[in-house]
Amino acid sequence: MGAWGSAPWDNDLAADWFGELFEATKLARRVEKTLNHRDLEEYAPEIRAAAYVLIALGHNYVWPADDLERHLTLAISRLEAIRELADYEGMPEIDQEIAILRSRLEAPNAIDLAGERRDLINGLRDPAVRLRAARELSRQALQETSNEIEARLGNGDITGALTEALADPDARVVEEAVIALAEITRRYFRDERAYPAVVRLLRSKRKLARQWAVEAASQLRGARCLDDVLPLIGDKVAAVRHEVLVVIIRAFREKRLSAARRERLLAAVRPLLKDRDAGVRSLARRACDLLGGQPS
């Protein structure tokens, strides 16, 4: 799992944990419901508490990306209203809370990023500039992770447009789109609607498309994609064979393999112990060790 910075949420494992937390508890929805209480005087303590949850957790990689800007704006407006109540008038803590929320809202240029995101989506759907837009998306997705890139790419609008592009008649567009989709899924946003289109690319005649389709399938479904990608274990391209071995190792670690399944996988992996590619041979030995085989 990759690390992006020193904050508690700046790595893949933490981002996944926060995503599961918000999904299981519906925390963002509960905060929004509390912020929207109409009786300000009666519910001011609860509204302020909900706003504090945003102060603590209202970061990219933590709060649901599609809700963050709206919830920050709502929390600011409600705290500004509370500040006018007699019981809270002149309370410096509320001014500080509003300032923190404003700093989150203003960085990184949320309005400009939304416009850039729309431009990229429109470009993907315009035949005249589709290839250029797909290349730009893959370039950005492969860049070093930053809050700005996450804010631009980490949402269902972008992944939906990329999923459409996976069926483009221009193979170059498809390759750039699947690269972008795999990286966005790995770093920012998982959109399983893309999975059927990714699986179709596993049969592509283009080696780059197959390689990145295995990567995208793994990021979208984890070890659950094993049956779909396993037929490519004998692919003529070393990078594709390598990615399939990564999925096999992941399936073992996620404890998704029965004893009988491990034996079948060992039979599929053993020929790669003599693969012409050194990296594939090394990974095959590792897979055999984990699966219980005796590499030779």
C-alpha atoms as a PDB file:
ATOM      1  CA  MET A   1       0.000   0.000   0.000  1.00  0.00           C
ATOM      2  CA  GLY A   2       1.310   3.439  -0.933  1.00  0.00           C
ATOM      3  CA  ALA A   3       1.992   6.322   1.415  1.00  0.00           C
ATOM      4  CA  TRP A   4       1.432   9.886   0.135  1.00  0.00           C
ATOM      5  CA  GLY A   5       2.322  12.056   3.123  1.00  0.00           C
ATOM      6  CA  SER A   6       2.589  12.230   6.892  1.00  0.00           C
ATOM      7  CA  ALA A   7      -1.083  12.860   7.791  1.00  0.00           C
ATOM      8  CA  PRO A   8      -3.021   9.914   9.286  1.00  0.00           C
ATOM      9  CA  TRP A   9      -5.148   9.646   6.127  1.00  0.00           C
ATOM     10  CA  ASP A  10      -2.262   9.903   3.630  1.00  0.00           C
ATOM     11  CA  ASN A  11      -1.946   6.238   2.679  1.00  0.00           C
ATOM     12  CA  ASP A  12      -3.991   3.578   0.894  1.00  0.00           C
ATOM     13  CA  LEU A  13      -4.890   1.528   3.966  1.00  0.00           C
ATOM     14  CA  ALA A  14      -6.149   4.554   5.895  1.00  0.00           C
ATOM     15  CA  ALA A  15      -8.146   5.829   2.915  1.00  0.00           C
ATOM     16  CA  ASP A  16      -9.807   2.418   2.561  1.00  0.00           C
ATOM     17  CA  TRP A  17     -10.544   2.348   6.308  1.00  0.00           C
ATOM     18  CA  PHE A  18     -12.165   5.761   6.238  1.00  0.00           C
ATOM     19  CA  GLY A  19     -14.208   4.766   3.187  1.00  0.00           C
ATOM     20  CA  GLU A  20     -15.508   1.680   4.999  1.00  0.00           C
ATOM     21  CA  LEU A  21     -16.228   3.745   8.121  1.00  0.00           C
ATOM     22  CA  PHE A  22     -18.331   6.289   6.258  1.00  0.00           C
ATOM     23  CA  GLU A  23     -20.175   3.595   4.338  1.00  0.00           C
ATOM     24  CA  ALA A  24     -20.975   1.545   7.437  1.00  0.00           C
ATOM     25  CA  THR A  25     -22.019   4.429   9.706  1.00  0.00           C
ATOM     26  CA  LYS A  26     -23.567   6.795   7.125  1.00  0.00           C
ATOM     27  CA  LEU A  27     -21.657   9.448   9.051  1.00  0.00           C
ATOM     28  CA  ALA A  28     -21.688  12.094   6.314  1.00  0.00           C
ATOM     29  CA  ARG A  29     -25.446  11.742   5.924  1.00  0.00           C
ATOM     30  CA  ARG A  30     -26.003  12.081   9.691  1.00  0.00           C
ATOM     31  CA  VAL A  31     -23.827  15.186   9.834  1.00  0.00           C
ATOM     32  CA  GLU A  32     -25.760  16.771   6.965  1.00  0.00           C
ATOM     33  CA  LYS A  33     -29.097  15.942   8.594  1.00  0.00           C
ATOM     34  CA  THR A  34     -27.988  17.565  11.854  1.00  0.00           C
ATOM     35  CA  LEU A  35     -26.648  20.675  10.119  1.00  0.00           C
ATOM     36  CA  ASN A  36     -30.009  21.101   8.404  1.00  0.00           C
ATOM     37  CA  HIS A  37     -32.061  21.277  11.629  1.00  0.00           C
ATOM     38  CA  ARG A  38     -34.396  24.241  11.232  1.00  0.00           C
ATOM     39  CA  ASP A  39     -34.731  25.175  14.903  1.00  0.00           C
ATOM     40  CA  LEU A  40     -31.338  26.818  15.315  1.00  0.00           C
ATOM     41  CA  GLU A  41     -31.699  27.823  18.957  1.00  0.00           C
ATOM     42  CA  GLU A  42     -32.819  24.383  20.143  1.00  0.00           C
ATOM     43  CA  TYR A  43     -30.308  22.384  18.098  1.00  0.00           C
ATOM     44  CA  ALA A  44     -27.326  24.761  18.183  1.00  0.00           C
ATOM     45  CA  PRO A  45     -25.179  22.397  20.321  1.00  0.00           C
ATOM     46  CA  GLU A  46     -25.839  19.457  17.995  1.00  0.00           C
ATOM     47  CA  ILE A  47     -25.242  21.594  14.889  1.00  0.00           C
ATOM     48  CA  ARG A  48     -21.960  22.830  16.303  1.00  0.00           C
ATOM     49  CA  ALA A  49     -20.959  19.250  17.141  1.00  0.00           C
ATOM     50  CA  ALA A  50     -21.727  18.172  13.566  1.00  0.00           C
ATOM     51  CA  ALA A  51     -19.629  21.033  12.237  1.00  0.00           C
ATOM     52  CA  TYR A  52     -16.784  19.892  14.479  1.00  0.00           C
ATOM     53  CA  VAL A  53     -16.896  16.438  12.871  1.00  0.00           C
ATOM     54  CA  LEU A  54     -16.174  18.227   9.586  1.00  0.00           C
ATOM     55  CA  ILE A  55     -13.344  20.151  11.235  1.00  0.00           C
ATOM     56  CA  ALA A  56     -11.832  16.861  12.380  1.00  0.00           C
ATOM     57  CA  LEU A  57     -12.523  14.715   9.308  1.00  0.00           C
ATOM     58  CA  GLY A  58     -13.370  17.110   6.468  1.00  0.00           C
ATOM     59  CA  HIS A  59     -10.306  16.323   4.388  1.00  0.00           C
ATOM     60  CA  ASN A  60      -9.756  14.886   0.954  1.00  0.00           C
ATOM     61  CA  TYR A  61      -9.168  11.101   1.209  1.00  0.00           C
ATOM     62  CA  VAL A  62     -11.402  11.041   4.315  1.00  0.00           C
ATOM     63  CA  TRP A  63     -14.780  12.689   3.701  1.00  0.00           C
ATOM     64  CA  PRO A  64     -16.823  11.386   0.714  1.00  0.00           C
ATOM     65  CA  ALA A  65     -15.495  13.444  -2.209  1.00  0.00           C
ATOM     66  CA  ASP A  66     -18.875  14.161  -3.798  1.00  0.00           C
ATOM     67  CA  ASP A  67     -20.210  15.637  -0.514  1.00  0.00           C
ATOM     68  CA  LEU A  68     -17.239  17.493   0.916  1.00  0.00           C
ATOM     69  CA  GLU A  69     -17.656  20.920  -0.698  1.00  0.00           C
ATOM     70  CA  ARG A  70     -21.411  21.018  -0.034  1.00  0.00           C
ATOM     71  CA  HIS A  71     -21.047  19.955   3.586  1.00  0.00           C
ATOM     72  CA  LEU A  72     -18.257  22.438   4.294  1.00  0.00           C
ATOM     73  CA  THR A  73     -20.372  25.256   2.854  1.00  0.00           C
ATOM     74  CA  LEU A  74     -23.386  24.182   4.904  1.00  0.00           C
ATOM     75  CA  ALA A  75     -21.381  23.952   8.129  1.00  0.00           C
ATOM     76  CA  ILE A  76     -19.943  27.442   7.628  1.00  0.00           C
ATOM     77  CA  SER A  77     -23.378  28.959   7.051  1.00  0.00           C
ATOM     78  CA  ARG A  78     -24.855  27.279  10.117  1.00  0.00           C
ATOM     79  CA  LEU A  79     -21.992  28.324  12.394  1.00  0.00           C
ATOM     80  CA  GLU A  80     -22.301  31.887  11.115  1.00  0.00           C
ATOM     81  CA  ALA A  81     -25.980  31.803  12.082  1.00  0.00           C
ATOM     82  CA  ILE A  82     -25.199  30.353  15.515  1.00  0.00           C
ATOM     83  CA  ARG A  83     -22.645  33.114  16.068  1.00  0.00           C
ATOM     84  CA  GLU A  84     -25.524  35.622  15.984  1.00  0.00           C
ATOM     85  CA  LEU A  85     -27.438  33.916  18.806  1.00  0.00           C
ATOM     86  CA  ALA A  86     -27.274  35.585  22.215  1.00  0.00           C
ATOM     87  CA  ASP A  87     -25.762  32.530  23.911  1.00  0.00           C
ATOM     88  CA  TYR A  88     -22.896  32.370  21.409  1.00  0.00           C
ATOM     89  CA  GLU A  89     -22.316  35.995  20.516  1.00  0.00           C
ATOM     90  CA  GLY A  90     -18.662  36.998  20.744  1.00  0.00           C
ATOM     91  CA  MET A  91     -17.452  33.429  21.273  1.00  0.00           C
ATOM     92  CA  PRO A  92     -13.964  33.297  19.674  1.00  0.00           C
ATOM     93  CA  GLU A  93     -14.003  29.517  19.336  1.00  0.00           C
ATOM     94  CA  ILE A  94     -16.767  29.714  16.740  1.00  0.00           C
ATOM     95  CA  ASP A  95     -14.778  32.239  14.713  1.00  0.00           C
ATOM     96  CA  GLN A  96     -11.856  29.810  14.767  1.00  0.00           C
ATOM     97  CA  GLU A  97     -14.067  26.917  13.681  1.00  0.00           C
ATOM     98  CA  ILE A  98     -15.453  28.933  10.771  1.00  0.00           C
ATOM     99  CA  ALA A  99     -11.925  29.905   9.723  1.00  0.00           C
ATOM    100  CA  ILE A 100     -10.817  26.267   9.640  1.00  0.00           C
ATOM    101  CA  LEU A 101     -13.816  25.249   7.548  1.00  0.00           C
ATOM    102  CA  ARG A 102     -13.214  28.138   5.137  1.00  0.00           C
ATOM    103  CA  SER A 103      -9.589  27.128   4.684  1.00  0.00           C
ATOM    104  CA  ARG A 104     -10.728  23.611   3.746  1.00  0.00           C
ATOM    105  CA  LEU A 105     -13.255  24.965   1.288  1.00  0.00           C
ATOM    106  CA  GLU A 106     -10.850  27.343  -0.421  1.00  0.00           C
ATOM    107  CA  ALA A 107      -8.042  24.839  -0.917  1.00  0.00           C
ATOM    108  CA  PRO A 108      -7.304  23.599  -3.451  1.00  0.00           C
ATOM    109  CA  ASN A 109      -9.315  26.029  -5.630  1.00  0.00           C
ATOM    110  CA  ALA A 110     -12.427  23.865  -5.595  1.00  0.00           C
ATOM    111  CA  ILE A 111     -14.333  25.949  -8.158  1.00  0.00           C
ATOM    112  CA  ASP A 112     -11.465  25.967 -10.654  1.00  0.00           C
ATOM    113  CA  LEU A 113     -10.943  22.235 -10.202  1.00  0.00           C
ATOM    114  CA  ALA A 114     -14.610  21.527 -10.857  1.00  0.00           C
ATOM    115  CA  GLY A 115     -14.363  23.466 -14.097  1.00  0.00           C
ATOM    116  CA  GLU A 116     -11.226  21.586 -15.117  1.00  0.00           C
ATOM    117  CA  ARG A 117     -12.981  18.317 -14.341  1.00  0.00           C
ATOM    118  CA  ARG A 118     -15.897  19.250 -16.602  1.00  0.00           C
ATOM    119  CA  ASP A 119     -13.465  20.171 -19.375  1.00  0.00           C
ATOM    120  CA  LEU A 120     -11.797  16.756 -19.143  1.00  0.00           C
ATOM    121  CA  ILE A 121     -15.134  14.931 -19.220  1.00  0.00           C
ATOM    122  CA  ASN A 122     -16.386  16.977 -22.163  1.00  0.00           C
ATOM    123  CA  GLY A 123     -13.088  16.340 -23.943  1.00  0.00           C
ATOM    124  CA  LEU A 124     -13.462  12.575 -23.526  1.00  0.00           C
ATOM    125  CA  ARG A 125     -16.853  12.772 -25.213  1.00  0.00           C
ATOM    126  CA  ASP A 126     -15.720  14.977 -28.105  1.00  0.00           C
ATOM    127  CA  PRO A 127     -14.334  12.930 -31.026  1.00  0.00           C
ATOM    128  CA  ALA A 128     -12.161  15.847 -32.113  1.00  0.00           C
ATOM    129  CA  VAL A 129     -10.148  15.968 -28.883  1.00  0.00           C
ATOM    130  CA  ARG A 130     -10.940  12.607 -27.234  1.00  0.00           C
ATOM    131  CA  LEU A 131      -7.448  11.157 -27.559  1.00  0.00           C
ATOM    132  CA  ARG A 132      -5.824  14.285 -26.175  1.00  0.00           C
ATOM    133  CA  ALA A 133      -8.255  14.340 -23.225  1.00  0.00           C
ATOM    134  CA  ALA A 134      -7.627  10.651 -22.486  1.00  0.00           C
ATOM    135  CA  ARG A 135      -3.867  11.209 -22.548  1.00  0.00           C
ATOM    136  CA  GLU A 136      -4.202  14.167 -20.216  1.00  0.00           C
ATOM    137  CA  LEU A 137      -6.257  12.115 -17.776  1.00  0.00           C
ATOM    138  CA  SER A 138      -3.772   9.239 -17.759  1.00  0.00           C
ATOM    139  CA  ARG A 139      -0.923  11.715 -17.320  1.00  0.00           C
ATOM    140  CA  GLN A 140      -2.587  13.330 -14.326  1.00  0.00           C
ATOM    141  CA  ALA A 141      -3.543   9.973 -12.817  1.00  0.00           C
ATOM    142  CA  LEU A 142       0.073   8.802 -13.005  1.00  0.00           C
ATOM    143  CA  GLN A 143       1.419  11.962 -11.375  1.00  0.00           C
ATOM    144  CA  GLU A 144       2.507  12.041  -7.773  1.00  0.00           C
ATOM    145  CA  THR A 145      -0.563  12.063  -5.553  1.00  0.00           C
ATOM    146  CA  SER A 146      -1.745  15.459  -4.342  1.00  0.00           C
ATOM    147  CA  ASN A 147      -4.909  16.926  -2.864  1.00  0.00           C
ATOM    148  CA  GLU A 148      -5.451  18.873  -6.070  1.00  0.00           C
ATOM    149  CA  ILE A 149      -5.317  15.813  -8.315  1.00  0.00           C
ATOM    150  CA  GLU A 150      -7.567  13.873  -5.939  1.00  0.00           C
ATOM    151  CA  ALA A 151     -10.102  16.694  -5.960  1.00  0.00           C
ATOM    152  CA  ARG A 152     -10.056  16.745  -9.772  1.00  0.00           C
ATOM    153  CA  LEU A 153     -10.112  13.028 -10.514  1.00  0.00           C
ATOM    154  CA  GLY A 154     -11.497  11.212  -7.482  1.00  0.00           C
ATOM    155  CA  ASN A 155     -15.196  11.060  -8.297  1.00  0.00           C
ATOM    156  CA  GLY A 156     -17.804   9.093 -10.220  1.00  0.00           C
ATOM    157  CA  ASP A 157     -18.163  11.671 -13.011  1.00  0.00           C
ATOM    158  CA  ILE A 158     -14.590  11.099 -14.153  1.00  0.00           C
ATOM    159  CA  THR A 159     -14.685   7.312 -13.780  1.00  0.00           C
ATOM    160  CA  GLY A 160     -18.033   7.188 -15.580  1.00  0.00           C
ATOM    161  CA  ALA A 161     -16.604   9.091 -18.545  1.00  0.00           C
ATOM    162  CA  LEU A 162     -13.530   6.852 -18.566  1.00  0.00           C
ATOM    163  CA  THR A 163     -15.748   3.764 -18.544  1.00  0.00           C
ATOM    164  CA  GLU A 164     -17.504   5.050 -21.649  1.00  0.00           C
ATOM    165  CA  ALA A 165     -14.110   5.637 -23.263  1.00  0.00           C
ATOM    166  CA  LEU A 166     -13.153   1.979 -22.752  1.00  0.00           C
ATOM    167  CA  ALA A 167     -15.484   1.154 -25.656  1.00  0.00           C
ATOM    168  CA  ASP A 168     -14.007   3.782 -27.976  1.00  0.00           C
ATOM    169  CA  PRO A 169     -13.161   2.601 -31.530  1.00  0.00           C
ATOM    170  CA  ASP A 170      -9.715   4.185 -31.230  1.00  0.00           C
ATOM    171  CA  ALA A 171      -7.473   1.700 -29.399  1.00  0.00           C
ATOM    172  CA  ARG A 172      -5.198   4.521 -28.278  1.00  0.00           C
ATOM    173  CA  VAL A 173      -8.072   6.191 -26.439  1.00  0.00           C
ATOM    174  CA  VAL A 174      -8.939   2.878 -24.789  1.00  0.00           C
ATOM    175  CA  GLU A 175      -5.370   2.360 -23.581  1.00  0.00           C
ATOM    176  CA  GLU A 176      -5.092   5.830 -22.080  1.00  0.00           C
ATOM    177  CA  ALA A 177      -8.529   5.469 -20.474  1.00  0.00           C
ATOM    178  CA  VAL A 178      -7.784   2.137 -18.795  1.00  0.00           C
ATOM    179  CA  ILE A 179      -4.458   3.455 -17.474  1.00  0.00           C
ATOM    180  CA  ALA A 180      -6.245   6.452 -15.951  1.00  0.00           C
ATOM    181  CA  LEU A 181      -9.031   4.283 -14.557  1.00  0.00           C
ATOM    182  CA  ALA A 182      -6.605   1.826 -12.930  1.00  0.00           C
ATOM    183  CA  GLU A 183      -4.615   4.605 -11.258  1.00  0.00           C
ATOM    184  CA  ILE A 184      -7.669   6.568 -10.127  1.00  0.00           C
ATOM    185  CA  THR A 185      -9.137   3.380  -8.653  1.00  0.00           C
ATOM    186  CA  ARG A 186      -5.900   2.571  -6.866  1.00  0.00           C
ATOM    187  CA  ARG A 187      -5.464   6.022  -5.361  1.00  0.00           C
ATOM    188  CA  TYR A 188      -8.762   7.839  -5.085  1.00  0.00           C
ATOM    189  CA  PHE A 189     -12.099   6.346  -6.042  1.00  0.00           C
ATOM    190  CA  ARG A 190     -13.442   2.846  -6.713  1.00  0.00           C
ATOM    191  CA  ASP A 191     -16.320   2.695  -9.206  1.00  0.00           C
ATOM    192  CA  GLU A 192     -17.333  -0.922  -9.794  1.00  0.00           C
ATOM    193  CA  ARG A 193     -19.585   0.096 -12.660  1.00  0.00           C
ATOM    194  CA  ALA A 194     -16.399   0.040 -14.732  1.00  0.00           C
ATOM    195  CA  TYR A 195     -15.690  -3.638 -14.064  1.00  0.00           C
ATOM    196  CA  PRO A 196     -17.597  -5.251 -16.994  1.00  0.00           C
ATOM    197  CA  ALA A 197     -15.877  -2.921 -19.472  1.00  0.00           C
ATOM    198  CA  VAL A 198     -12.492  -3.674 -17.908  1.00  0.00           C
ATOM    199  CA  VAL A 199     -13.089  -7.441 -18.170  1.00  0.00           C
ATOM    200  CA  ARG A 200     -13.847  -7.096 -21.874  1.00  0.00           C
ATOM    201  CA  LEU A 201     -10.421  -5.484 -22.314  1.00  0.00           C
ATOM    202  CA  LEU A 202      -8.738  -8.616 -20.977  1.00  0.00           C
ATOM    203  CA  ARG A 203      -9.346 -10.065 -24.450  1.00  0.00           C
ATOM    204  CA  SER A 204      -7.886  -7.048 -26.241  1.00  0.00           C
ATOM    205  CA  LYS A 205      -5.304  -7.589 -28.986  1.00  0.00           C
ATOM    206  CA  ARG A 206      -3.342  -4.667 -27.564  1.00  0.00           C
ATOM    207  CA  LYS A 207      -0.777  -5.688 -24.958  1.00  0.00           C
ATOM    208  CA  LEU A 208      -0.905  -2.393 -23.060  1.00  0.00           C
ATOM    209  CA  ALA A 209      -4.688  -2.614 -22.796  1.00  0.00           C
ATOM    210  CA  ARG A 210      -4.484  -6.166 -21.403  1.00  0.00           C
ATOM    211  CA  GLN A 211      -1.785  -5.233 -18.890  1.00  0.00           C
ATOM    212  CA  TRP A 212      -3.664  -2.273 -17.491  1.00  0.00           C
ATOM    213  CA  ALA A 213      -6.986  -4.119 -17.620  1.00  0.00           C
ATOM    214  CA  VAL A 214      -5.561  -6.727 -15.211  1.00  0.00           C
ATOM    215  CA  GLU A 215      -4.340  -3.903 -12.961  1.00  0.00           C
ATOM    216  CA  ALA A 216      -7.720  -2.138 -13.114  1.00  0.00           C
ATOM    217  CA  ALA A 217      -9.619  -5.377 -12.421  1.00  0.00           C
ATOM    218  CA  SER A 218      -7.429  -6.015  -9.390  1.00  0.00           C
ATOM    219  CA  GLN A 219      -7.990  -2.519  -8.040  1.00  0.00           C
ATOM    220  CA  LEU A 220     -11.749  -2.731  -8.610  1.00  0.00           C
ATOM    221  CA  ARG A 221     -12.392  -6.207  -7.241  1.00  0.00           C
ATOM    222  CA  GLY A 222      -9.227  -7.325  -5.436  1.00  0.00           C
ATOM    223  CA  ALA A 223      -8.819 -11.098  -5.374  1.00  0.00           C
ATOM    224  CA  ARG A 224     -12.394 -11.513  -6.577  1.00  0.00           C
ATOM    225  CA  CYS A 225     -11.165 -10.817 -10.116  1.00  0.00           C
ATOM    226  CA  LEU A 226      -8.962 -13.940 -10.112  1.00  0.00           C
ATOM    227  CA  ASP A 227     -11.208 -16.120 -12.299  1.00  0.00           C
ATOM    228  CA  ASP A 228     -11.434 -13.350 -14.887  1.00  0.00           C
ATOM    229  CA  VAL A 229      -7.696 -12.637 -15.128  1.00  0.00           C
ATOM    230  CA  LEU A 230      -6.310 -16.156 -14.673  1.00  0.00           C
ATOM    231  CA  PRO A 231      -6.598 -17.085 -18.389  1.00  0.00           C
ATOM    232  CA  LEU A 232      -3.901 -14.458 -19.047  1.00  0.00           C
ATOM    233  CA  ILE A 233      -1.288 -16.249 -16.925  1.00  0.00           C
ATOM    234  CA  GLY A 234       0.251 -17.550 -20.138  1.00  0.00           C
ATOM    235  CA  ASP A 235       0.037 -14.243 -21.982  1.00  0.00           C
ATOM    236  CA  LYS A 236       2.894 -13.553 -24.386  1.00  0.00           C
ATOM    237  CA  VAL A 237       3.602 -10.225 -22.644  1.00  0.00           C
ATOM    238  CA  ALA A 238       5.676 -10.494 -19.471  1.00  0.00           C
ATOM    239  CA  ALA A 239       4.004  -7.482 -17.839  1.00  0.00           C
ATOM    240  CA  VAL A 240       0.607  -9.180 -18.173  1.00  0.00           C
ATOM    241  CA  ARG A 241       1.891 -12.448 -16.679  1.00  0.00           C
ATOM    242  CA  HIS A 242       3.408 -10.425 -13.846  1.00  0.00           C
ATOM    243  CA  GLU A 243       0.108  -8.684 -13.037  1.00  0.00           C
ATOM    244  CA  VAL A 244      -1.772 -12.002 -12.967  1.00  0.00           C
ATOM    245  CA  LEU A 245       0.751 -13.404 -10.488  1.00  0.00           C
ATOM    246  CA  VAL A 246       0.191 -10.351  -8.290  1.00  0.00           C
ATOM    247  CA  VAL A 247      -3.544 -11.143  -8.246  1.00  0.00           C
ATOM    248  CA  ILE A 248      -2.833 -14.784  -7.306  1.00  0.00           C
ATOM    249  CA  ILE A 249      -0.643 -13.707  -4.399  1.00  0.00           C
ATOM    250  CA  ARG A 250      -3.306 -11.245  -3.318  1.00  0.00           C
ATOM    251  CA  ALA A 251      -5.940 -14.012  -3.393  1.00  0.00           C
ATOM    252  CA  PHE A 252      -3.779 -16.154  -1.109  1.00  0.00           C
ATOM    253  CA  ARG A 253      -3.292 -13.311   1.347  1.00  0.00           C
ATOM    254  CA  GLU A 254      -7.002 -12.556   1.397  1.00  0.00           C
ATOM    255  CA  LYS A 255      -7.611 -16.234   2.270  1.00  0.00           C
ATOM    256  CA  ARG A 256      -9.891 -16.821  -0.688  1.00  0.00           C
ATOM    257  CA  LEU A 257      -8.299 -20.089  -1.784  1.00  0.00           C
ATOM    258  CA  SER A 258      -9.331 -23.594  -0.801  1.00  0.00           C
ATOM    259  CA  ALA A 259      -6.722 -26.357  -0.763  1.00  0.00           C
ATOM    260  CA  ALA A 260      -8.011 -27.695  -4.082  1.00  0.00           C
ATOM    261  CA  ARG A 261      -7.881 -24.230  -5.604  1.00  0.00           C
ATOM    262  CA  ARG A 262      -4.305 -23.767  -4.455  1.00  0.00           C
ATOM    263  CA  GLU A 263      -3.306 -26.982  -6.183  1.00  0.00           C
ATOM    264  CA  ARG A 264      -4.892 -25.850  -9.440  1.00  0.00           C
ATOM    265  CA  LEU A 265      -3.152 -22.497  -9.205  1.00  0.00           C
ATOM    266  CA  LEU A 266       0.173 -24.172  -8.479  1.00  0.00           C
ATOM    267  CA  ALA A 267      -0.215 -26.148 -11.674  1.00  0.00           C
ATOM    268  CA  ALA A 268      -0.801 -22.899 -13.561  1.00  0.00           C
ATOM    269  CA  VAL A 269       2.077 -21.041 -11.883  1.00  0.00           C
ATOM    270  CA  ARG A 270       4.828 -23.699 -12.050  1.00  0.00           C
ATOM    271  CA  PRO A 271       5.564 -23.251 -15.768  1.00  0.00           C
ATOM    272  CA  LEU A 272       6.439 -19.615 -15.019  1.00  0.00           C
ATOM    273  CA  LEU A 273       9.320 -20.746 -12.792  1.00  0.00           C
ATOM    274  CA  LYS A 274      11.245 -21.115 -16.052  1.00  0.00           C
ATOM    275  CA  ASP A 275       9.855 -17.962 -17.622  1.00  0.00           C
ATOM    276  CA  ARG A 276      12.206 -16.002 -19.858  1.00  0.00           C
ATOM    277  CA  ASP A 277      11.523 -12.862 -17.822  1.00  0.00           C
ATOM    278  CA  ALA A 278      13.483 -12.631 -14.548  1.00  0.00           C
ATOM    279  CA  GLY A 279      10.793 -10.585 -12.810  1.00  0.00           C
ATOM    280  CA  VAL A 280       8.104 -13.122 -13.684  1.00  0.00           C
ATOM    281  CA  ARG A 281      10.326 -15.999 -12.493  1.00  0.00           C
ATOM    282  CA  SER A 282      10.913 -14.259  -9.178  1.00  0.00           C
ATOM    283  CA  LEU A 283       7.214 -13.597  -8.616  1.00  0.00           C
ATOM    284  CA  ALA A 284       6.335 -17.158  -9.638  1.00  0.00           C
ATOM    285  CA  ARG A 285       8.729 -18.529  -6.991  1.00  0.00           C
ATOM    286  CA  ARG A 286       7.087 -16.300  -4.413  1.00  0.00           C
ATOM    287  CA  ALA A 287       3.623 -17.451  -5.471  1.00  0.00           C
ATOM    288  CA  CYS A 288       4.674 -21.113  -5.302  1.00  0.00           C
ATOM    289  CA  ASP A 289       6.101 -20.643  -1.819  1.00  0.00           C
ATOM    290  CA  LEU A 290       2.870 -19.084  -0.620  1.00  0.00           C
ATOM    291  CA  LEU A 291       0.648 -21.631  -2.304  1.00  0.00           C
ATOM    292  CA  GLY A 292       2.606 -24.490  -0.738  1.00  0.00           C
ATOM    293  CA  GLY A 293       4.573 -25.676  -3.737  1.00  0.00           C
ATOM    294  CA  GLN A 294       8.197 -26.711  -4.048  1.00  0.00           C
ATOM    295  CA  PRO A 295       9.821 -24.424  -6.597  1.00  0.00           C
ATOM    296  CA  SER A 296      12.702 -25.907  -8.473  1.00  0.00           C
END
